[in-house]
């Protein structure tokens, strides 16, 4: 087998191993690059709360991102958007 063919095959196999390794690492880490993550939504004009359906506990949210909904009393909290109390016609 010619030397140039051995080098070409070695480069192709090395590239395939590299691509498989990167894909494995991305799948283990969540799969998104920091530049691909969504920008948090500014909810300044709304009052946004995480509300527990069991006991009524509320957490006010000032910015919404791609966060997991917290749990309280063992159940996922509900997201409620309400009109801001100070945002009315002048």
PDB file of N, CA and C in Angstrom:
ATOM      1  N   UNK A   1       0.843  -1.173   0.000  1.00  0.00           N
ATOM      2  CA  UNK A   1       0.000   0.000   0.000  1.00  0.00           C
ATOM      3  C   UNK A   1       0.894   1.244   0.000  1.00  0.00           C
ATOM      4  N   UNK A   2       0.592   2.217  -0.838  1.00  0.00           N
ATOM      5  CA  UNK A   2       1.440   3.415  -0.892  1.00  0.00           C
ATOM      6  C   UNK A   2       1.362   4.215   0.415  1.00  0.00           C
ATOM      7  N   UNK A   3       2.434   4.912   0.724  1.00  0.00           N
ATOM      8  CA  UNK A   3       2.532   5.694   1.958  1.00  0.00           C
ATOM      9  C   UNK A   3       1.494   6.804   2.000  1.00  0.00           C
ATOM     10  N   UNK A   4       1.279   7.477   0.869  1.00  0.00           N
ATOM     11  CA  UNK A   4       0.315   8.586   0.855  1.00  0.00           C
ATOM     12  C   UNK A   4      -1.088   8.095   1.170  1.00  0.00           C
ATOM     13  N   UNK A   5      -1.433   6.862   0.762  1.00  0.00           N
ATOM     14  CA  UNK A   5      -2.752   6.299   1.057  1.00  0.00           C
ATOM     15  C   UNK A   5      -2.874   5.984   2.545  1.00  0.00           C
ATOM     16  N   UNK A   6      -1.801   5.479   3.153  1.00  0.00           N
ATOM     17  CA  UNK A   6      -1.814   5.222   4.598  1.00  0.00           C
ATOM     18  C   UNK A   6      -2.007   6.530   5.383  1.00  0.00           C
ATOM     19  N   UNK A   7      -1.340   7.597   4.954  1.00  0.00           N
ATOM     20  CA  UNK A   7      -1.474   8.891   5.616  1.00  0.00           C
ATOM     21  C   UNK A   7      -2.899   9.411   5.459  1.00  0.00           C
ATOM     22  N   UNK A   8      -3.462   9.295   4.283  1.00  0.00           N
ATOM     23  CA  UNK A   8      -4.825   9.756   4.029  1.00  0.00           C
ATOM     24  C   UNK A   8      -5.839   8.996   4.895  1.00  0.00           C
ATOM     25  N   UNK A   9      -5.683   7.699   4.983  1.00  0.00           N
ATOM     26  CA  UNK A   9      -6.576   6.886   5.820  1.00  0.00           C
ATOM     27  C   UNK A   9      -6.411   7.260   7.292  1.00  0.00           C
ATOM     28  N   UNK A  10      -5.174   7.464   7.737  1.00  0.00           N
ATOM     29  CA  UNK A  10      -4.927   7.831   9.130  1.00  0.00           C
ATOM     30  C   UNK A  10      -5.564   9.181   9.467  1.00  0.00           C
ATOM     31  N   UNK A  11      -5.470  10.141   8.564  1.00  0.00           N
ATOM     32  CA  UNK A  11      -6.086  11.457   8.786  1.00  0.00           C
ATOM     33  C   UNK A  11      -7.607  11.321   8.836  1.00  0.00           C
ATOM     34  N   UNK A  12      -8.191  10.537   7.939  1.00  0.00           N
ATOM     35  CA  UNK A  12      -9.646  10.345   7.919  1.00  0.00           C
ATOM     36  C   UNK A  12     -10.130   9.665   9.200  1.00  0.00           C
ATOM     37  N   UNK A  13      -9.421   8.650   9.651  1.00  0.00           N
ATOM     38  CA  UNK A  13      -9.800   7.957  10.889  1.00  0.00           C
ATOM     39  C   UNK A  13      -9.635   8.892  12.087  1.00  0.00           C
ATOM     40  N   UNK A  14      -8.576   9.673  12.139  1.00  0.00           N
ATOM     41  CA  UNK A  14      -8.373  10.629  13.224  1.00  0.00           C
ATOM     42  C   UNK A  14      -9.476  11.680  13.272  1.00  0.00           C
ATOM     43  N   UNK A  15      -9.893  12.183  12.102  1.00  0.00           N
ATOM     44  CA  UNK A  15     -10.980  13.165  12.033  1.00  0.00           C
ATOM     45  C   UNK A  15     -12.291  12.554  12.523  1.00  0.00           C
ATOM     46  N   UNK A  16     -12.579  11.323  12.131  1.00  0.00           N
ATOM     47  CA  UNK A  16     -13.804  10.650  12.577  1.00  0.00           C
ATOM     48  C   UNK A  16     -13.798  10.451  14.090  1.00  0.00           C
ATOM     49  N   UNK A  17     -12.679  10.048  14.649  1.00  0.00           N
ATOM     50  CA  UNK A  17     -12.576   9.878  16.102  1.00  0.00           C
ATOM     51  C   UNK A  17     -12.768  11.210  16.810  1.00  0.00           C
ATOM     52  N   UNK A  18     -12.185  12.279  16.279  1.00  0.00           N
ATOM     53  CA  UNK A  18     -12.338  13.615  16.865  1.00  0.00           C
ATOM     54  C   UNK A  18     -13.802  14.054  16.850  1.00  0.00           C
ATOM     55  N   UNK A  19     -14.510  13.890  15.711  1.00  0.00           N
ATOM     56  CA  UNK A  19     -15.913  14.289  15.608  1.00  0.00           C
ATOM     57  C   UNK A  19     -16.796  13.487  16.566  1.00  0.00           C
ATOM     58  N   UNK A  20     -16.538  12.194  16.684  1.00  0.00           N
ATOM     59  CA  UNK A  20     -17.313  11.360  17.612  1.00  0.00           C
ATOM     60  C   UNK A  20     -17.048  11.784  19.050  1.00  0.00           C
ATOM     61  N   UNK A  21     -15.805  12.095  19.376  1.00  0.00           N
ATOM     62  CA  UNK A  21     -15.467  12.550  20.736  1.00  0.00           C
ATOM     63  C   UNK A  21     -16.136  13.872  21.087  1.00  0.00           C
ATOM     64  N   UNK A  22     -16.126  14.833  20.167  1.00  0.00           N
ATOM     65  CA  UNK A  22     -16.779  16.123  20.407  1.00  0.00           C
ATOM     66  C   UNK A  22     -18.283  15.934  20.574  1.00  0.00           C
ATOM     67  N   UNK A  23     -18.903  15.101  19.738  1.00  0.00           N
ATOM     68  CA  UNK A  23     -20.342  14.847  19.841  1.00  0.00           C
ATOM     69  C   UNK A  23     -20.689  14.194  21.178  1.00  0.00           C
ATOM     70  N   UNK A  24     -19.834  13.295  21.653  1.00  0.00           N
ATOM     71  CA  UNK A  24     -20.067  12.636  22.939  1.00  0.00           C
ATOM     72  C   UNK A  24     -19.971  13.631  24.082  1.00  0.00           C
ATOM     73  N   UNK A  25     -18.986  14.497  24.055  1.00  0.00           N
ATOM     74  CA  UNK A  25     -18.821  15.500  25.113  1.00  0.00           C
ATOM     75  C   UNK A  25     -19.993  16.475  25.106  1.00  0.00           C
ATOM     76  N   UNK A  26     -20.439  16.913  23.931  1.00  0.00           N
ATOM     77  CA  UNK A  26     -21.581  17.833  23.859  1.00  0.00           C
ATOM     78  C   UNK A  26     -22.859  17.186  24.381  1.00  0.00           C
ATOM     79  N   UNK A  27     -23.076  15.920  24.071  1.00  0.00           N
ATOM     80  CA  UNK A  27     -24.295  15.267  24.545  1.00  0.00           C
ATOM     81  C   UNK A  27     -24.262  15.074  26.059  1.00  0.00           C
ATOM     82  N   UNK A  28     -23.091  14.881  26.625  1.00  0.00           N
ATOM     83  CA  UNK A  28     -22.975  14.722  28.071  1.00  0.00           C
ATOM     84  C   UNK A  28     -23.117  16.050  28.809  1.00  0.00           C
ATOM     85  N   UNK A  29     -22.812  17.155  28.130  1.00  0.00           N
ATOM     86  CA  UNK A  29     -22.847  18.453  28.801  1.00  0.00           C
ATOM     87  C   UNK A  29     -24.110  19.251  28.503  1.00  0.00           C
ATOM     88  N   UNK A  30     -25.065  18.701  27.827  1.00  0.00           N
ATOM     89  CA  UNK A  30     -26.299  19.419  27.552  1.00  0.00           C
ATOM     90  C   UNK A  30     -26.466  19.774  26.096  1.00  0.00           C
ATOM     91  N   UNK A  31     -25.423  19.726  25.327  1.00  0.00           N
ATOM     92  CA  UNK A  31     -25.530  19.876  23.894  1.00  0.00           C
ATOM     93  C   UNK A  31     -25.521  21.275  23.332  1.00  0.00           C
ATOM     94  N   UNK A  32     -25.548  22.327  24.144  1.00  0.00           N
ATOM     95  CA  UNK A  32     -25.554  23.668  23.578  1.00  0.00           C
ATOM     96  C   UNK A  32     -24.286  24.408  23.954  1.00  0.00           C
ATOM     97  N   UNK A  33     -23.804  25.164  23.021  1.00  0.00           N
ATOM     98  CA  UNK A  33     -22.644  26.003  23.267  1.00  0.00           C
ATOM     99  C   UNK A  33     -23.116  27.256  24.002  1.00  0.00           C
ATOM    100  N   UNK A  34     -22.249  27.912  24.783  1.00  0.00           N
ATOM    101  CA  UNK A  34     -22.671  29.133  25.469  1.00  0.00           C
ATOM    102  C   UNK A  34     -23.198  30.207  24.527  1.00  0.00           C
ATOM    103  N   UNK A  35     -22.685  30.274  23.301  1.00  0.00           N
ATOM    104  CA  UNK A  35     -23.168  31.267  22.350  1.00  0.00           C
ATOM    105  C   UNK A  35     -24.538  30.911  21.788  1.00  0.00           C
ATOM    106  N   UNK A  36     -24.971  29.651  21.917  1.00  0.00           N
ATOM    107  CA  UNK A  36     -26.262  29.211  21.404  1.00  0.00           C
ATOM    108  C   UNK A  36     -27.369  29.316  22.447  1.00  0.00           C
ATOM    109  N   UNK A  37     -27.042  29.618  23.697  1.00  0.00           N
ATOM    110  CA  UNK A  37     -28.050  29.674  24.743  1.00  0.00           C
ATOM    111  C   UNK A  37     -28.914  30.915  24.557  1.00  0.00           C
ATOM    112  N   UNK A  38     -30.221  30.786  24.841  1.00  0.00           N
ATOM    113  CA  UNK A  38     -31.108  31.932  24.663  1.00  0.00           C
ATOM    114  C   UNK A  38     -30.802  33.042  25.658  1.00  0.00           C
ATOM    115  N   UNK A  39     -31.078  34.262  25.231  1.00  0.00           N
ATOM    116  CA  UNK A  39     -30.870  35.424  26.092  1.00  0.00           C
ATOM    117  C   UNK A  39     -32.025  35.490  27.084  1.00  0.00           C
ATOM    118  N   UNK A  40     -31.754  35.721  28.371  1.00  0.00           N
ATOM    119  CA  UNK A  40     -32.846  35.816  29.340  1.00  0.00           C
ATOM    120  C   UNK A  40     -33.832  36.924  28.966  1.00  0.00           C
ATOM    121  N   UNK A  41     -35.116  36.636  29.151  1.00  0.00           N
ATOM    122  CA  UNK A  41     -36.173  37.579  28.808  1.00  0.00           C
ATOM    123  C   UNK A  41     -36.360  38.571  29.948  1.00  0.00           C
ATOM    124  N   UNK A  42     -36.345  39.850  29.630  1.00  0.00           N
ATOM    125  CA  UNK A  42     -36.594  40.885  30.633  1.00  0.00           C
ATOM    126  C   UNK A  42     -38.098  40.991  30.847  1.00  0.00           C
ATOM    127  N   UNK A  43     -38.532  40.796  32.061  1.00  0.00           N
ATOM    128  CA  UNK A  43     -39.965  40.851  32.377  1.00  0.00           C
ATOM    129  C   UNK A  43     -40.257  42.053  33.261  1.00  0.00           C
ATOM    130  N   UNK A  44     -39.644  43.191  32.945  1.00  0.00           N
ATOM    131  CA  UNK A  44     -39.829  44.404  33.717  1.00  0.00           C
ATOM    132  C   UNK A  44     -41.244  44.951  33.645  1.00  0.00           C
ATOM    133  N   UNK A  45     -41.934  44.717  32.522  1.00  0.00           N
ATOM    134  CA  UNK A  45     -43.291  45.239  32.388  1.00  0.00           C
ATOM    135  C   UNK A  45     -44.348  44.282  32.923  1.00  0.00           C
ATOM    136  N   UNK A  46     -43.950  43.116  33.393  1.00  0.00           N
ATOM    137  CA  UNK A  46     -44.883  42.143  33.973  1.00  0.00           C
ATOM    138  C   UNK A  46     -44.412  41.742  35.366  1.00  0.00           C
ATOM    139  N   UNK A  47     -45.321  41.315  36.179  1.00  0.00           N
ATOM    140  CA  UNK A  47     -44.964  40.665  37.434  1.00  0.00           C
ATOM    141  C   UNK A  47     -45.062  39.165  37.173  1.00  0.00           C
ATOM    142  N   UNK A  48     -43.920  38.477  37.230  1.00  0.00           N
ATOM    143  CA  UNK A  48     -43.871  37.044  36.963  1.00  0.00           C
ATOM    144  C   UNK A  48     -43.564  36.331  38.270  1.00  0.00           C
ATOM    145  N   UNK A  49     -44.333  35.284  38.571  1.00  0.00           N
ATOM    146  CA  UNK A  49     -44.183  34.544  39.817  1.00  0.00           C
ATOM    147  C   UNK A  49     -44.140  33.055  39.531  1.00  0.00           C
ATOM    148  N   UNK A  50     -43.343  32.330  40.334  1.00  0.00           N
ATOM    149  CA  UNK A  50     -43.456  30.885  40.432  1.00  0.00           C
ATOM    150  C   UNK A  50     -44.379  30.644  41.614  1.00  0.00           C
ATOM    151  N   UNK A  51     -45.484  29.930  41.389  1.00  0.00           N
ATOM    152  CA  UNK A  51     -46.487  29.734  42.430  1.00  0.00           C
ATOM    153  C   UNK A  51     -46.624  28.244  42.713  1.00  0.00           C
ATOM    154  N   UNK A  52     -46.579  27.879  43.999  1.00  0.00           N
ATOM    155  CA  UNK A  52     -46.775  26.498  44.423  1.00  0.00           C
ATOM    156  C   UNK A  52     -48.277  26.219  44.481  1.00  0.00           C
ATOM    157  N   UNK A  53     -48.725  25.188  43.781  1.00  0.00           N
ATOM    158  CA  UNK A  53     -50.142  24.837  43.764  1.00  0.00           C
ATOM    159  C   UNK A  53     -50.612  24.196  45.056  1.00  0.00           C
ATOM    160  N   UNK A  54     -49.697  23.677  45.864  1.00  0.00           N
ATOM    161  CA  UNK A  54     -50.066  23.007  47.108  1.00  0.00           C
ATOM    162  C   UNK A  54     -50.266  23.990  48.258  1.00  0.00           C
ATOM    163  N   UNK A  55     -49.293  24.867  48.473  1.00  0.00           N
ATOM    164  CA  UNK A  55     -49.355  25.732  49.659  1.00  0.00           C
ATOM    165  C   UNK A  55     -49.494  27.218  49.326  1.00  0.00           C
ATOM    166  N   UNK A  56     -49.347  27.581  48.048  1.00  0.00           N
ATOM    167  CA  UNK A  56     -49.516  28.973  47.665  1.00  0.00           C
ATOM    168  C   UNK A  56     -48.270  29.836  47.765  1.00  0.00           C
ATOM    169  N   UNK A  57     -47.121  29.252  48.073  1.00  0.00           N
ATOM    170  CA  UNK A  57     -45.874  30.021  48.147  1.00  0.00           C
ATOM    171  C   UNK A  57     -45.563  30.616  46.779  1.00  0.00           C
ATOM    172  N   UNK A  58     -45.145  31.874  46.752  1.00  0.00           N
ATOM    173  CA  UNK A  58     -44.834  32.561  45.499  1.00  0.00           C
ATOM    174  C   UNK A  58     -43.407  33.098  45.531  1.00  0.00           C
ATOM    175  N   UNK A  59     -42.704  32.935  44.411  1.00  0.00           N
ATOM    176  CA  UNK A  59     -41.390  33.535  44.220  1.00  0.00           C
ATOM    177  C   UNK A  59     -41.501  34.494  43.053  1.00  0.00           C
ATOM    178  N   UNK A  60     -41.123  35.758  43.243  1.00  0.00           N
ATOM    179  CA  UNK A  60     -41.180  36.718  42.150  1.00  0.00           C
ATOM    180  C   UNK A  60     -39.933  36.579  41.286  1.00  0.00           C
ATOM    181  N   UNK A  61     -40.123  36.668  39.984  1.00  0.00           N
ATOM    182  CA  UNK A  61     -39.046  36.522  39.005  1.00  0.00           C
ATOM    183  C   UNK A  61     -38.855  37.855  38.301  1.00  0.00           C
ATOM    184  N   UNK A  62     -37.596  38.276  38.160  1.00  0.00           N
ATOM    185  CA  UNK A  62     -37.333  39.530  37.464  1.00  0.00           C
ATOM    186  C   UNK A  62     -36.827  39.293  36.041  1.00  0.00           C
ATOM    187  N   UNK A  63     -36.194  38.131  35.788  1.00  0.00           N
ATOM    188  CA  UNK A  63     -35.735  37.779  34.443  1.00  0.00           C
ATOM    189  C   UNK A  63     -35.997  36.306  34.224  1.00  0.00           C
ATOM    190  N   UNK A  64     -36.529  35.974  33.057  1.00  0.00           N
ATOM    191  CA  UNK A  64     -36.783  34.582  32.709  1.00  0.00           C
ATOM    192  C   UNK A  64     -35.737  34.111  31.721  1.00  0.00           C
ATOM    193  N   UNK A  65     -35.108  32.994  32.036  1.00  0.00           N
ATOM    194  CA  UNK A  65     -34.159  32.372  31.127  1.00  0.00           C
ATOM    195  C   UNK A  65     -34.605  30.952  30.875  1.00  0.00           C
ATOM    196  N   UNK A  66     -33.660  30.102  30.555  1.00  0.00           N
ATOM    197  CA  UNK A  66     -33.969  28.701  30.327  1.00  0.00           C
ATOM    198  C   UNK A  66     -33.676  27.923  31.612  1.00  0.00           C
ATOM    199  N   UNK A  67     -34.311  28.339  32.691  1.00  0.00           N
ATOM    200  CA  UNK A  67     -34.120  27.681  33.981  1.00  0.00           C
ATOM    201  C   UNK A  67     -35.197  26.633  34.177  1.00  0.00           C
ATOM    202  N   UNK A  68     -34.878  25.637  34.969  1.00  0.00           N
ATOM    203  CA  UNK A  68     -35.886  24.644  35.307  1.00  0.00           C
ATOM    204  C   UNK A  68     -36.837  25.247  36.328  1.00  0.00           C
ATOM    205  N   UNK A  69     -38.100  24.891  36.205  1.00  0.00           N
ATOM    206  CA  UNK A  69     -39.096  25.368  37.155  1.00  0.00           C
ATOM    207  C   UNK A  69     -38.801  24.714  38.500  1.00  0.00           C
ATOM    208  N   UNK A  70     -38.687  25.523  39.580  1.00  0.00           N
ATOM    209  CA  UNK A  70     -38.366  24.943  40.879  1.00  0.00           C
ATOM    210  C   UNK A  70     -39.511  24.086  41.419  1.00  0.00           C
ATOM    211  N   UNK A  71     -39.191  23.281  42.410  1.00  0.00           N
ATOM    212  CA  UNK A  71     -40.195  22.447  43.073  1.00  0.00           C
ATOM    213  C   UNK A  71     -40.393  22.948  44.495  1.00  0.00           C
ATOM    214  N   UNK A  72     -41.630  22.883  44.940  1.00  0.00           N
ATOM    215  CA  UNK A  72     -41.964  23.245  46.307  1.00  0.00           C
ATOM    216  C   UNK A  72     -43.054  22.291  46.735  1.00  0.00           C
ATOM    217  N   UNK A  73     -42.973  21.752  47.927  1.00  0.00           N
ATOM    218  CA  UNK A  73     -43.928  20.739  48.415  1.00  0.00           C
ATOM    219  C   UNK A  73     -43.915  19.497  47.528  1.00  0.00           C
ATOM    220  N   UNK A  74     -42.813  19.259  46.810  1.00  0.00           N
ATOM    221  CA  UNK A  74     -42.690  18.077  45.973  1.00  0.00           C
ATOM    222  C   UNK A  74     -43.292  18.215  44.587  1.00  0.00           C
ATOM    223  N   UNK A  75     -43.976  19.290  44.302  1.00  0.00           N
ATOM    224  CA  UNK A  75     -44.613  19.505  43.002  1.00  0.00           C
ATOM    225  C   UNK A  75     -43.928  20.660  42.279  1.00  0.00           C
ATOM    226  N   UNK A  76     -43.933  20.619  40.939  1.00  0.00           N
ATOM    227  CA  UNK A  76     -43.382  21.730  40.170  1.00  0.00           C
ATOM    228  C   UNK A  76     -44.263  22.954  40.376  1.00  0.00           C
ATOM    229  N   UNK A  77     -43.607  24.096  40.451  1.00  0.00           N
ATOM    230  CA  UNK A  77     -44.343  25.338  40.636  1.00  0.00           C
ATOM    231  C   UNK A  77     -44.871  25.813  39.279  1.00  0.00           C
ATOM    232  N   UNK A  78     -45.967  26.557  39.299  1.00  0.00           N
ATOM    233  CA  UNK A  78     -46.576  27.094  38.093  1.00  0.00           C
ATOM    234  C   UNK A  78     -46.025  28.487  37.826  1.00  0.00           C
ATOM    235  N   UNK A  79     -45.876  28.838  36.549  1.00  0.00           N
ATOM    236  CA  UNK A  79     -45.431  30.180  36.182  1.00  0.00           C
ATOM    237  C   UNK A  79     -46.668  31.013  35.914  1.00  0.00           C
ATOM    238  N   UNK A  80     -46.793  32.131  36.624  1.00  0.00           N
ATOM    239  CA  UNK A  80     -47.917  33.037  36.428  1.00  0.00           C
ATOM    240  C   UNK A  80     -47.385  34.404  36.029  1.00  0.00           C
ATOM    241  N   UNK A  81     -47.945  34.951  34.973  1.00  0.00           N
ATOM    242  CA  UNK A  81     -47.602  36.305  34.535  1.00  0.00           C
ATOM    243  C   UNK A  81     -48.811  37.181  34.815  1.00  0.00           C
ATOM    244  N   UNK A  82     -48.579  38.260  35.530  1.00  0.00           N
ATOM    245  CA  UNK A  82     -49.647  39.188  35.885  1.00  0.00           C
ATOM    246  C   UNK A  82     -49.264  40.572  35.397  1.00  0.00           C
ATOM    247  N   UNK A  83     -50.252  41.424  35.106  1.00  0.00           N
ATOM    248  CA  UNK A  83     -49.916  42.822  34.753  1.00  0.00           C
ATOM    249  C   UNK A  83     -49.205  43.474  35.921  1.00  0.00           C
ATOM    250  N   UNK A  84     -48.186  44.259  35.612  1.00  0.00           N
ATOM    251  CA  UNK A  84     -47.420  44.935  36.671  1.00  0.00           C
ATOM    252  C   UNK A  84     -48.336  45.884  37.426  1.00  0.00           C
ATOM    253  N   UNK A  85     -48.176  45.935  38.740  1.00  0.00           N
ATOM    254  CA  UNK A  85     -49.036  46.759  39.572  1.00  0.00           C
ATOM    255  C   UNK A  85     -48.822  48.239  39.305  1.00  0.00           C
ATOM    256  N   UNK A  86     -47.624  48.633  38.912  1.00  0.00           N
ATOM    257  CA  UNK A  86     -47.340  50.052  38.670  1.00  0.00           C
ATOM    258  C   UNK A  86     -47.490  50.468  37.219  1.00  0.00           C
ATOM    259  N   UNK A  87     -47.797  49.508  36.337  1.00  0.00           N
ATOM    260  CA  UNK A  87     -47.890  49.835  34.909  1.00  0.00           C
ATOM    261  C   UNK A  87     -49.334  50.085  34.528  1.00  0.00           C
ATOM    262  N   UNK A  88     -49.718  51.302  34.541  1.00  0.00           N
ATOM    263  CA  UNK A  88     -51.066  51.664  34.176  1.00  0.00           C
ATOM    264  C   UNK A  88     -51.056  52.930  33.354  1.00  0.00           C
ATOM    265  N   UNK A  89     -52.214  53.333  32.797  1.00  0.00           N
ATOM    266  CA  UNK A  89     -52.225  54.573  32.018  1.00  0.00           C
ATOM    267  C   UNK A  89     -51.937  55.771  32.892  1.00  0.00           C
ATOM    268  N   UNK A  90     -51.220  56.705  32.323  1.00  0.00           N
ATOM    269  CA  UNK A  90     -50.846  57.919  33.080  1.00  0.00           C
ATOM    270  C   UNK A  90     -51.836  59.015  32.837  1.00  0.00           C
TER     271      UNK A  90
END
